């Protein structure tokens, strides 16, 4: 896969992630800063590293399943390898400007 195609798929994945919302905060997980890394390998497997706003999030399983399902169904992606991390832990500084504006932090 050439770099342009890889970038196109990764951009598509970013758009898909913007359609997934944290159940407790009315902002998508991408703009919340929960997505640490998006990479697509030559086998068209999307490798995503993400976190949660809190380690004890009661909706974690549903949120992770939604990410795997939606990213796995993205054009150009055959599978989604999703890793959850709490290093570094999420904090408000990771919010995008759009999210800060939406939540009244700007």
PDB file of N, CA and C in Angstrom:
ATOM      1  N   UNK A   1       0.861  -1.183   0.000  1.00  0.00           N
ATOM      2  CA  UNK A   1       0.000   0.000   0.000  1.00  0.00           C
ATOM      3  C   UNK A   1       0.900   1.236   0.000  1.00  0.00           C
ATOM      4  N   UNK A   2       0.572   2.187  -0.871  1.00  0.00           N
ATOM      5  CA  UNK A   2       1.408   3.377  -0.941  1.00  0.00           C
ATOM      6  C   UNK A   2       1.021   4.369   0.163  1.00  0.00           C
ATOM      7  N   UNK A   3       1.928   5.293   0.504  1.00  0.00           N
ATOM      8  CA  UNK A   3       1.676   6.236   1.605  1.00  0.00           C
ATOM      9  C   UNK A   3       0.408   7.071   1.428  1.00  0.00           C
ATOM     10  N   UNK A   4       0.075   7.443   0.196  1.00  0.00           N
ATOM     11  CA  UNK A   4      -1.126   8.253  -0.044  1.00  0.00           C
ATOM     12  C   UNK A   4      -2.381   7.456   0.292  1.00  0.00           C
ATOM     13  N   UNK A   5      -2.388   6.175  -0.104  1.00  0.00           N
ATOM     14  CA  UNK A   5      -3.539   5.311   0.192  1.00  0.00           C
ATOM     15  C   UNK A   5      -3.662   5.094   1.704  1.00  0.00           C
ATOM     16  N   UNK A   6      -2.519   4.885   2.360  1.00  0.00           N
ATOM     17  CA  UNK A   6      -2.507   4.691   3.805  1.00  0.00           C
ATOM     18  C   UNK A   6      -3.060   5.927   4.517  1.00  0.00           C
ATOM     19  N   UNK A   7      -2.631   7.102   4.093  1.00  0.00           N
ATOM     20  CA  UNK A   7      -3.105   8.347   4.689  1.00  0.00           C
ATOM     21  C   UNK A   7      -4.610   8.516   4.468  1.00  0.00           C
ATOM     22  N   UNK A   8      -5.075   8.156   3.275  1.00  0.00           N
ATOM     23  CA  UNK A   8      -6.498   8.263   2.952  1.00  0.00           C
ATOM     24  C   UNK A   8      -7.331   7.363   3.887  1.00  0.00           C
ATOM     25  N   UNK A   9      -6.869   6.140   4.112  1.00  0.00           N
ATOM     26  CA  UNK A   9      -7.579   5.212   4.998  1.00  0.00           C
ATOM     27  C   UNK A   9      -7.544   5.729   6.434  1.00  0.00           C
ATOM     28  N   UNK A  10      -6.383   6.211   6.880  1.00  0.00           N
ATOM     29  CA  UNK A  10      -6.268   6.728   8.252  1.00  0.00           C
ATOM     30  C   UNK A  10      -7.163   7.954   8.452  1.00  0.00           C
ATOM     31  N   UNK A  11      -7.287   8.785   7.421  1.00  0.00           N
ATOM     32  CA  UNK A  11      -8.180   9.951   7.490  1.00  0.00           C
ATOM     33  C   UNK A  11      -9.631   9.486   7.603  1.00  0.00           C
ATOM     34  N   UNK A  12      -9.984   8.466   6.797  1.00  0.00           N
ATOM     35  CA  UNK A  12     -11.331   7.896   6.866  1.00  0.00           C
ATOM     36  C   UNK A  12     -11.628   7.357   8.265  1.00  0.00           C
ATOM     37  N   UNK A  13     -10.653   6.686   8.861  1.00  0.00           N
ATOM     38  CA  UNK A  13     -10.821   6.141  10.216  1.00  0.00           C
ATOM     39  C   UNK A  13     -11.056   7.284  11.200  1.00  0.00           C
ATOM     40  N   UNK A  14     -10.305   8.370  11.058  1.00  0.00           N
ATOM     41  CA  UNK A  14     -10.498   9.539  11.923  1.00  0.00           C
ATOM     42  C   UNK A  14     -11.919  10.063  11.841  1.00  0.00           C
ATOM     43  N   UNK A  15     -12.470  10.108  10.620  1.00  0.00           N
ATOM     44  CA  UNK A  15     -13.851  10.566  10.438  1.00  0.00           C
ATOM     45  C   UNK A  15     -14.836   9.613  11.107  1.00  0.00           C
ATOM     46  N   UNK A  16     -14.587   8.307  10.992  1.00  0.00           N
ATOM     47  CA  UNK A  16     -15.446   7.309  11.635  1.00  0.00           C
ATOM     48  C   UNK A  16     -15.399   7.499  13.155  1.00  0.00           C
ATOM     49  N   UNK A  17     -14.202   7.720  13.693  1.00  0.00           N
ATOM     50  CA  UNK A  17     -14.057   7.896  15.144  1.00  0.00           C
ATOM     51  C   UNK A  17     -14.785   9.146  15.632  1.00  0.00           C
ATOM     52  N   UNK A  18     -14.907  10.140  14.755  1.00  0.00           N
ATOM     53  CA  UNK A  18     -15.628  11.363  15.124  1.00  0.00           C
ATOM     54  C   UNK A  18     -17.139  11.128  15.197  1.00  0.00           C
ATOM     55  N   UNK A  19     -17.602   9.955  14.739  1.00  0.00           N
ATOM     56  CA  UNK A  19     -19.028   9.632  14.817  1.00  0.00           C
ATOM     57  C   UNK A  19     -19.358   8.825  16.074  1.00  0.00           C
ATOM     58  N   UNK A  20     -18.347   8.537  16.887  1.00  0.00           N
ATOM     59  CA  UNK A  20     -18.530   7.739  18.106  1.00  0.00           C
ATOM     60  C   UNK A  20     -18.421   8.672  19.305  1.00  0.00           C
ATOM     61  N   UNK A  21     -19.454   8.676  20.123  1.00  0.00           N
ATOM     62  CA  UNK A  21     -19.509   9.614  21.247  1.00  0.00           C
ATOM     63  C   UNK A  21     -19.309   8.917  22.578  1.00  0.00           C
ATOM     64  N   UNK A  22     -18.595   9.599  23.473  1.00  0.00           N
ATOM     65  CA  UNK A  22     -18.455   9.139  24.846  1.00  0.00           C
ATOM     66  C   UNK A  22     -19.857   9.168  25.458  1.00  0.00           C
ATOM     67  N   UNK A  23     -20.268   8.090  26.138  1.00  0.00           N
ATOM     68  CA  UNK A  23     -21.630   8.046  26.671  1.00  0.00           C
ATOM     69  C   UNK A  23     -21.906   9.079  27.771  1.00  0.00           C
ATOM     70  N   UNK A  24     -20.865   9.595  28.394  1.00  0.00           N
ATOM     71  CA  UNK A  24     -21.077  10.513  29.518  1.00  0.00           C
ATOM     72  C   UNK A  24     -20.810  11.977  29.168  1.00  0.00           C
ATOM     73  N   UNK A  25     -20.118  12.210  28.051  1.00  0.00           N
ATOM     74  CA  UNK A  25     -19.767  13.575  27.641  1.00  0.00           C
ATOM     75  C   UNK A  25     -20.250  13.747  26.204  1.00  0.00           C
ATOM     76  N   UNK A  26     -20.983  14.799  25.887  1.00  0.00           N
ATOM     77  CA  UNK A  26     -21.554  14.939  24.538  1.00  0.00           C
ATOM     78  C   UNK A  26     -20.544  15.382  23.478  1.00  0.00           C
ATOM     79  N   UNK A  27     -19.397  14.710  23.436  1.00  0.00           N
ATOM     80  CA  UNK A  27     -18.339  15.028  22.480  1.00  0.00           C
ATOM     81  C   UNK A  27     -17.816  13.702  21.927  1.00  0.00           C
ATOM     82  N   UNK A  28     -17.431  13.703  20.656  1.00  0.00           N
ATOM     83  CA  UNK A  28     -16.923  12.452  20.075  1.00  0.00           C
ATOM     84  C   UNK A  28     -15.558  12.086  20.656  1.00  0.00           C
ATOM     85  N   UNK A  29     -15.239  10.795  20.582  1.00  0.00           N
ATOM     86  CA  UNK A  29     -14.017  10.292  21.226  1.00  0.00           C
ATOM     87  C   UNK A  29     -12.742  10.834  20.589  1.00  0.00           C
ATOM     88  N   UNK A  30     -12.813  11.208  19.309  1.00  0.00           N
ATOM     89  CA  UNK A  30     -11.645  11.773  18.628  1.00  0.00           C
ATOM     90  C   UNK A  30     -11.324  13.161  19.187  1.00  0.00           C
ATOM     91  N   UNK A  31     -12.345  14.025  19.237  1.00  0.00           N
ATOM     92  CA  UNK A  31     -12.129  15.384  19.742  1.00  0.00           C
ATOM     93  C   UNK A  31     -11.895  15.408  21.256  1.00  0.00           C
ATOM     94  N   UNK A  32     -12.337  14.359  21.953  1.00  0.00           N
ATOM     95  CA  UNK A  32     -12.047  14.264  23.388  1.00  0.00           C
ATOM     96  C   UNK A  32     -10.564  13.988  23.642  1.00  0.00           C
ATOM     97  N   UNK A  33      -9.869  13.505  22.621  1.00  0.00           N
ATOM     98  CA  UNK A  33      -8.448  13.177  22.792  1.00  0.00           C
ATOM     99  C   UNK A  33      -8.244  11.761  23.293  1.00  0.00           C
ATOM    100  N   UNK A  34      -9.249  10.896  23.122  1.00  0.00           N
ATOM    101  CA  UNK A  34      -9.136   9.512  23.598  1.00  0.00           C
ATOM    102  C   UNK A  34      -8.352   8.622  22.633  1.00  0.00           C
ATOM    103  N   UNK A  35      -8.165   9.095  21.397  1.00  0.00           N
ATOM    104  CA  UNK A  35      -7.428   8.312  20.400  1.00  0.00           C
ATOM    105  C   UNK A  35      -5.977   8.769  20.403  1.00  0.00           C
ATOM    106  N   UNK A  36      -5.089   7.871  20.808  1.00  0.00           N
ATOM    107  CA  UNK A  36      -3.663   8.209  20.888  1.00  0.00           C
ATOM    108  C   UNK A  36      -2.923   7.923  19.583  1.00  0.00           C
ATOM    109  N   UNK A  37      -3.373   6.895  18.853  1.00  0.00           N
ATOM    110  CA  UNK A  37      -2.632   6.506  17.658  1.00  0.00           C
ATOM    111  C   UNK A  37      -3.542   5.779  16.682  1.00  0.00           C
ATOM    112  N   UNK A  38      -3.369   6.060  15.389  1.00  0.00           N
ATOM    113  CA  UNK A  38      -4.056   5.345  14.313  1.00  0.00           C
ATOM    114  C   UNK A  38      -2.996   4.973  13.289  1.00  0.00           C
ATOM    115  N   UNK A  39      -2.852   3.681  13.020  1.00  0.00           N
ATOM    116  CA  UNK A  39      -1.925   3.214  11.990  1.00  0.00           C
ATOM    117  C   UNK A  39      -2.602   2.104  11.201  1.00  0.00           C
ATOM    118  N   UNK A  40      -2.376   2.088   9.897  1.00  0.00           N
ATOM    119  CA  UNK A  40      -2.884   1.012   9.053  1.00  0.00           C
ATOM    120  C   UNK A  40      -1.681   0.318   8.439  1.00  0.00           C
ATOM    121  N   UNK A  41      -1.612  -1.014   8.609  1.00  0.00           N
ATOM    122  CA  UNK A  41      -0.468  -1.736   8.049  1.00  0.00           C
ATOM    123  C   UNK A  41      -0.764  -2.213   6.626  1.00  0.00           C
ATOM    124  N   UNK A  42       0.207  -2.892   6.003  1.00  0.00           N
ATOM    125  CA  UNK A  42       0.082  -3.327   4.611  1.00  0.00           C
ATOM    126  C   UNK A  42      -1.005  -4.382   4.415  1.00  0.00           C
ATOM    127  N   UNK A  43      -1.413  -5.050   5.493  1.00  0.00           N
ATOM    128  CA  UNK A  43      -2.492  -6.038   5.411  1.00  0.00           C
ATOM    129  C   UNK A  43      -3.859  -5.386   5.627  1.00  0.00           C
ATOM    130  N   UNK A  44      -3.890  -4.056   5.678  1.00  0.00           N
ATOM    131  CA  UNK A  44      -5.109  -3.273   5.879  1.00  0.00           C
ATOM    132  C   UNK A  44      -5.741  -3.517   7.260  1.00  0.00           C
ATOM    133  N   UNK A  45      -4.888  -3.772   8.244  1.00  0.00           N
ATOM    134  CA  UNK A  45      -5.341  -3.869   9.630  1.00  0.00           C
ATOM    135  C   UNK A  45      -5.113  -2.513  10.286  1.00  0.00           C
ATOM    136  N   UNK A  46      -6.179  -1.968  10.868  1.00  0.00           N
ATOM    137  CA  UNK A  46      -6.078  -0.694  11.579  1.00  0.00           C
ATOM    138  C   UNK A  46      -5.634  -0.967  13.008  1.00  0.00           C
ATOM    139  N   UNK A  47      -4.527  -0.365  13.396  1.00  0.00           N
ATOM    140  CA  UNK A  47      -4.022  -0.492  14.765  1.00  0.00           C
ATOM    141  C   UNK A  47      -4.334   0.824  15.476  1.00  0.00           C
ATOM    142  N   UNK A  48      -5.160   0.729  16.502  1.00  0.00           N
ATOM    143  CA  UNK A  48      -5.587   1.927  17.224  1.00  0.00           C
ATOM    144  C   UNK A  48      -5.226   1.779  18.688  1.00  0.00           C
ATOM    145  N   UNK A  49      -4.634   2.830  19.241  1.00  0.00           N
ATOM    146  CA  UNK A  49      -4.373   2.892  20.680  1.00  0.00           C
ATOM    147  C   UNK A  49      -5.249   4.007  21.218  1.00  0.00           C
ATOM    148  N   UNK A  50      -6.057   3.672  22.214  1.00  0.00           N
ATOM    149  CA  UNK A  50      -6.960   4.671  22.782  1.00  0.00           C
ATOM    150  C   UNK A  50      -7.025   4.527  24.291  1.00  0.00           C
ATOM    151  N   UNK A  51      -7.626   5.509  24.920  1.00  0.00           N
ATOM    152  CA  UNK A  51      -7.821   5.487  26.360  1.00  0.00           C
ATOM    153  C   UNK A  51      -9.280   5.808  26.646  1.00  0.00           C
ATOM    154  N   UNK A  52      -9.608   5.911  27.904  1.00  0.00           N
ATOM    155  CA  UNK A  52     -10.941   6.300  28.350  1.00  0.00           C
ATOM    156  C   UNK A  52     -10.786   7.505  29.270  1.00  0.00           C
ATOM    157  N   UNK A  53     -11.882   8.254  29.470  1.00  0.00           N
ATOM    158  CA  UNK A  53     -11.786   9.415  30.363  1.00  0.00           C
ATOM    159  C   UNK A  53     -11.532   8.974  31.798  1.00  0.00           C
ATOM    160  N   UNK A  54     -11.972   7.758  32.147  1.00  0.00           N
ATOM    161  CA  UNK A  54     -11.746   7.214  33.495  1.00  0.00           C
ATOM    162  C   UNK A  54     -11.563   5.704  33.378  1.00  0.00           C
ATOM    163  N   UNK A  55     -10.617   5.124  34.122  1.00  0.00           N
ATOM    164  CA  UNK A  55     -10.375   3.679  34.038  1.00  0.00           C
ATOM    165  C   UNK A  55     -11.605   2.840  34.401  1.00  0.00           C
ATOM    166  N   UNK A  56     -12.478   3.371  35.224  1.00  0.00           N
ATOM    167  CA  UNK A  56     -13.636   2.596  35.673  1.00  0.00           C
ATOM    168  C   UNK A  56     -14.910   2.966  34.913  1.00  0.00           C
ATOM    169  N   UNK A  57     -14.760   3.437  33.675  1.00  0.00           N
ATOM    170  CA  UNK A  57     -15.900   3.830  32.849  1.00  0.00           C
ATOM    171  C   UNK A  57     -16.863   2.652  32.712  1.00  0.00           C
ATOM    172  N   UNK A  58     -18.128   2.830  33.149  1.00  0.00           N
ATOM    173  CA  UNK A  58     -19.079   1.724  33.099  1.00  0.00           C
ATOM    174  C   UNK A  58     -19.470   1.308  31.676  1.00  0.00           C
ATOM    175  N   UNK A  59     -19.260   2.190  30.714  1.00  0.00           N
ATOM    176  CA  UNK A  59     -19.633   1.891  29.326  1.00  0.00           C
ATOM    177  C   UNK A  59     -18.427   1.475  28.478  1.00  0.00           C
ATOM    178  N   UNK A  60     -17.308   1.161  29.116  1.00  0.00           N
ATOM    179  CA  UNK A  60     -16.067   0.873  28.386  1.00  0.00           C
ATOM    180  C   UNK A  60     -16.237  -0.241  27.359  1.00  0.00           C
ATOM    181  N   UNK A  61     -16.829  -1.360  27.757  1.00  0.00           N
ATOM    182  CA  UNK A  61     -16.952  -2.490  26.832  1.00  0.00           C
ATOM    183  C   UNK A  61     -17.750  -2.115  25.592  1.00  0.00           C
ATOM    184  N   UNK A  62     -18.877  -1.416  25.791  1.00  0.00           N
ATOM    185  CA  UNK A  62     -19.712  -1.023  24.651  1.00  0.00           C
ATOM    186  C   UNK A  62     -18.973  -0.050  23.742  1.00  0.00           C
ATOM    187  N   UNK A  63     -18.243   0.882  24.340  1.00  0.00           N
ATOM    188  CA  UNK A  63     -17.500   1.876  23.566  1.00  0.00           C
ATOM    189  C   UNK A  63     -16.409   1.199  22.730  1.00  0.00           C
ATOM    190  N   UNK A  64     -15.667   0.278  23.334  1.00  0.00           N
ATOM    191  CA  UNK A  64     -14.598  -0.423  22.623  1.00  0.00           C
ATOM    192  C   UNK A  64     -15.166  -1.281  21.496  1.00  0.00           C
ATOM    193  N   UNK A  65     -16.294  -1.943  21.751  1.00  0.00           N
ATOM    194  CA  UNK A  65     -16.938  -2.752  20.712  1.00  0.00           C
ATOM    195  C   UNK A  65     -17.385  -1.880  19.545  1.00  0.00           C
ATOM    196  N   UNK A  66     -17.915  -0.699  19.844  1.00  0.00           N
ATOM    197  CA  UNK A  66     -18.357   0.211  18.789  1.00  0.00           C
ATOM    198  C   UNK A  66     -17.178   0.660  17.936  1.00  0.00           C
ATOM    199  N   UNK A  67     -16.054   0.979  18.581  1.00  0.00           N
ATOM    200  CA  UNK A  67     -14.850   1.388  17.848  1.00  0.00           C
ATOM    201  C   UNK A  67     -14.391   0.252  16.937  1.00  0.00           C
ATOM    202  N   UNK A  68     -14.270  -0.958  17.478  1.00  0.00           N
ATOM    203  CA  UNK A  68     -13.806  -2.098  16.676  1.00  0.00           C
ATOM    204  C   UNK A  68     -14.742  -2.366  15.500  1.00  0.00           C
ATOM    205  N   UNK A  69     -16.051  -2.315  15.751  1.00  0.00           N
ATOM    206  CA  UNK A  69     -17.044  -2.594  14.724  1.00  0.00           C
ATOM    207  C   UNK A  69     -17.010  -1.545  13.613  1.00  0.00           C
ATOM    208  N   UNK A  70     -17.038  -0.272  14.002  1.00  0.00           N
ATOM    209  CA  UNK A  70     -17.103   0.802  13.006  1.00  0.00           C
ATOM    210  C   UNK A  70     -15.791   0.955  12.235  1.00  0.00           C
ATOM    211  N   UNK A  71     -14.656   0.862  12.933  1.00  0.00           N
ATOM    212  CA  UNK A  71     -13.367   0.977  12.235  1.00  0.00           C
ATOM    213  C   UNK A  71     -13.163  -0.239  11.336  1.00  0.00           C
ATOM    214  N   UNK A  72     -13.529  -1.424  11.829  1.00  0.00           N
ATOM    215  CA  UNK A  72     -13.396  -2.644  11.031  1.00  0.00           C
ATOM    216  C   UNK A  72     -14.242  -2.607   9.768  1.00  0.00           C
ATOM    217  N   UNK A  73     -15.325  -1.835   9.785  1.00  0.00           N
ATOM    218  CA  UNK A  73     -16.196  -1.706   8.625  1.00  0.00           C
ATOM    219  C   UNK A  73     -15.860  -0.541   7.721  1.00  0.00           C
ATOM    220  N   UNK A  74     -14.776   0.159   8.010  1.00  0.00           N
ATOM    221  CA  UNK A  74     -14.358   1.312   7.212  1.00  0.00           C
ATOM    222  C   UNK A  74     -13.769   0.840   5.884  1.00  0.00           C
ATOM    223  N   UNK A  75     -14.080   1.549   4.800  1.00  0.00           N
ATOM    224  CA  UNK A  75     -13.543   1.203   3.481  1.00  0.00           C
ATOM    225  C   UNK A  75     -12.012   1.185   3.524  1.00  0.00           C
ATOM    226  N   UNK A  76     -11.427   0.072   3.074  1.00  0.00           N
ATOM    227  CA  UNK A  76      -9.974  -0.057   3.054  1.00  0.00           C
ATOM    228  C   UNK A  76      -9.411  -0.738   4.293  1.00  0.00           C
ATOM    229  N   UNK A  77     -10.288  -1.082   5.253  1.00  0.00           N
ATOM    230  CA  UNK A  77      -9.842  -1.737   6.490  1.00  0.00           C
ATOM    231  C   UNK A  77     -10.414  -3.151   6.527  1.00  0.00           C
ATOM    232  N   UNK A  78      -9.544  -4.129   6.787  1.00  0.00           N
ATOM    233  CA  UNK A  78     -10.000  -5.520   6.876  1.00  0.00           C
ATOM    234  C   UNK A  78     -10.255  -5.940   8.319  1.00  0.00           C
ATOM    235  N   UNK A  79      -9.536  -5.338   9.264  1.00  0.00           N
ATOM    236  CA  UNK A  79      -9.682  -5.697  10.672  1.00  0.00           C
ATOM    237  C   UNK A  79      -9.216  -4.532  11.536  1.00  0.00           C
ATOM    238  N   UNK A  80      -9.626  -4.558  12.802  1.00  0.00           N
ATOM    239  CA  UNK A  80      -9.228  -3.504  13.741  1.00  0.00           C
ATOM    240  C   UNK A  80      -8.570  -4.130  14.949  1.00  0.00           C
ATOM    241  N   UNK A  81      -7.323  -3.776  15.169  1.00  0.00           N
ATOM    242  CA  UNK A  81      -6.572  -4.203  16.350  1.00  0.00           C
ATOM    243  C   UNK A  81      -6.602  -3.032  17.325  1.00  0.00           C
ATOM    244  N   UNK A  82      -7.430  -3.152  18.352  1.00  0.00           N
ATOM    245  CA  UNK A  82      -7.646  -2.054  19.292  1.00  0.00           C
ATOM    246  C   UNK A  82      -6.941  -2.341  20.611  1.00  0.00           C
ATOM    247  N   UNK A  83      -6.109  -1.404  21.038  1.00  0.00           N
ATOM    248  CA  UNK A  83      -5.426  -1.544  22.326  1.00  0.00           C
ATOM    249  C   UNK A  83      -5.871  -0.403  23.231  1.00  0.00           C
ATOM    250  N   UNK A  84      -6.162  -0.742  24.466  1.00  0.00           N
ATOM    251  CA  UNK A  84      -6.575   0.233  25.460  1.00  0.00           C
ATOM    252  C   UNK A  84      -5.391   0.510  26.379  1.00  0.00           C
ATOM    253  N   UNK A  85      -5.129   1.778  26.643  1.00  0.00           N
ATOM    254  CA  UNK A  85      -4.027   2.145  27.531  1.00  0.00           C
ATOM    255  C   UNK A  85      -4.479   3.253  28.472  1.00  0.00           C
ATOM    256  N   UNK A  86      -3.819   3.339  29.606  1.00  0.00           N
ATOM    257  CA  UNK A  86      -4.055   4.455  30.524  1.00  0.00           C
ATOM    258  C   UNK A  86      -2.747   5.195  30.788  1.00  0.00           C
ATOM    259  N   UNK A  87      -1.824   5.045  29.833  1.00  0.00           N
ATOM    260  CA  UNK A  87      -0.528   5.691  29.947  1.00  0.00           C
ATOM    261  C   UNK A  87      -0.249   6.442  28.649  1.00  0.00           C
ATOM    262  N   UNK A  88      -0.290   7.750  28.608  1.00  0.00           N
ATOM    263  CA  UNK A  88      -0.564   8.633  29.754  1.00  0.00           C
ATOM    264  C   UNK A  88      -2.063   8.675  30.060  1.00  0.00           C
ATOM    265  N   UNK A  89      -2.412   8.942  31.317  1.00  0.00           N
ATOM    266  CA  UNK A  89      -3.823   9.061  31.654  1.00  0.00           C
ATOM    267  C   UNK A  89      -4.446  10.266  30.966  1.00  0.00           C
ATOM    268  N   UNK A  90      -5.717  10.135  30.603  1.00  0.00           N
ATOM    269  CA  UNK A  90      -6.420  11.215  29.929  1.00  0.00           C
ATOM    270  C   UNK A  90      -6.638  12.378  30.881  1.00  0.00           C
ATOM    271  N   UNK A  91      -6.540  13.605  30.366  1.00  0.00           N
ATOM    272  CA  UNK A  91      -6.952  14.781  31.136  1.00  0.00           C
ATOM    273  C   UNK A  91      -7.498  15.827  30.172  1.00  0.00           C
ATOM    274  N   UNK A  92      -8.059  16.885  30.702  1.00  0.00           N
ATOM    275  CA  UNK A  92      -8.752  17.884  29.879  1.00  0.00           C
ATOM    276  C   UNK A  92      -7.842  18.561  28.855  1.00  0.00           C
ATOM    277  N   UNK A  93      -6.543  18.552  29.071  1.00  0.00           N
ATOM    278  CA  UNK A  93      -5.630  19.200  28.121  1.00  0.00           C
ATOM    279  C   UNK A  93      -5.621  18.478  26.774  1.00  0.00           C
ATOM    280  N   UNK A  94      -6.136  17.255  26.706  1.00  0.00           N
ATOM    281  CA  UNK A  94      -6.144  16.474  25.472  1.00  0.00           C
ATOM    282  C   UNK A  94      -7.347  16.789  24.583  1.00  0.00           C
ATOM    283  N   UNK A  95      -8.269  17.599  25.086  1.00  0.00           N
ATOM    284  CA  UNK A  95      -9.443  17.981  24.302  1.00  0.00           C
ATOM    285  C   UNK A  95      -9.034  18.818  23.098  1.00  0.00           C
ATOM    286  N   UNK A  96      -9.691  18.606  21.961  1.00  0.00           N
ATOM    287  CA  UNK A  96      -9.461  19.479  20.805  1.00  0.00           C
ATOM    288  C   UNK A  96     -10.091  20.835  21.114  1.00  0.00           C
ATOM    289  N   UNK A  97      -9.736  21.841  20.334  1.00  0.00           N
ATOM    290  CA  UNK A  97     -10.342  23.167  20.531  1.00  0.00           C
ATOM    291  C   UNK A  97     -11.854  23.104  20.342  1.00  0.00           C
ATOM    292  N   UNK A  98     -12.310  22.273  19.373  1.00  0.00           N
ATOM    293  CA  UNK A  98     -13.748  22.122  19.141  1.00  0.00           C
ATOM    294  C   UNK A  98     -14.440  21.579  20.388  1.00  0.00           C
ATOM    295  N   UNK A  99     -13.829  20.577  21.015  1.00  0.00           N
ATOM    296  CA  UNK A  99     -14.410  19.982  22.218  1.00  0.00           C
ATOM    297  C   UNK A  99     -14.404  20.967  23.374  1.00  0.00           C
ATOM    298  N   UNK A 100     -13.313  21.717  23.507  1.00  0.00           N
ATOM    299  CA  UNK A 100     -13.233  22.722  24.584  1.00  0.00           C
ATOM    300  C   UNK A 100     -14.326  23.769  24.405  1.00  0.00           C
ATOM    301  N   UNK A 101     -14.550  24.179  23.160  1.00  0.00           N
ATOM    302  CA  UNK A 101     -15.585  25.163  22.877  1.00  0.00           C
ATOM    303  C   UNK A 101     -16.974  24.597  23.202  1.00  0.00           C
ATOM    304  N   UNK A 102     -17.211  23.356  22.778  1.00  0.00           N
ATOM    305  CA  UNK A 102     -18.498  22.700  22.997  1.00  0.00           C
ATOM    306  C   UNK A 102     -18.798  22.519  24.492  1.00  0.00           C
ATOM    307  N   UNK A 103     -17.743  22.244  25.260  1.00  0.00           N
ATOM    308  CA  UNK A 103     -17.928  22.008  26.695  1.00  0.00           C
ATOM    309  C   UNK A 103     -17.817  23.287  27.526  1.00  0.00           C
ATOM    310  N   UNK A 104     -17.583  24.414  26.861  1.00  0.00           N
ATOM    311  CA  UNK A 104     -17.522  25.689  27.570  1.00  0.00           C
ATOM    312  C   UNK A 104     -16.193  25.990  28.242  1.00  0.00           C
ATOM    313  N   UNK A 105     -15.112  25.327  27.772  1.00  0.00           N
ATOM    314  CA  UNK A 105     -13.800  25.571  28.367  1.00  0.00           C
ATOM    315  C   UNK A 105     -13.021  26.676  27.657  1.00  0.00           C
ATOM    316  N   UNK A 106     -13.571  27.209  26.557  1.00  0.00           N
ATOM    317  CA  UNK A 106     -12.890  28.283  25.825  1.00  0.00           C
ATOM    318  C   UNK A 106     -13.692  29.561  25.938  1.00  0.00           C
TER     319      UNK A 106
END
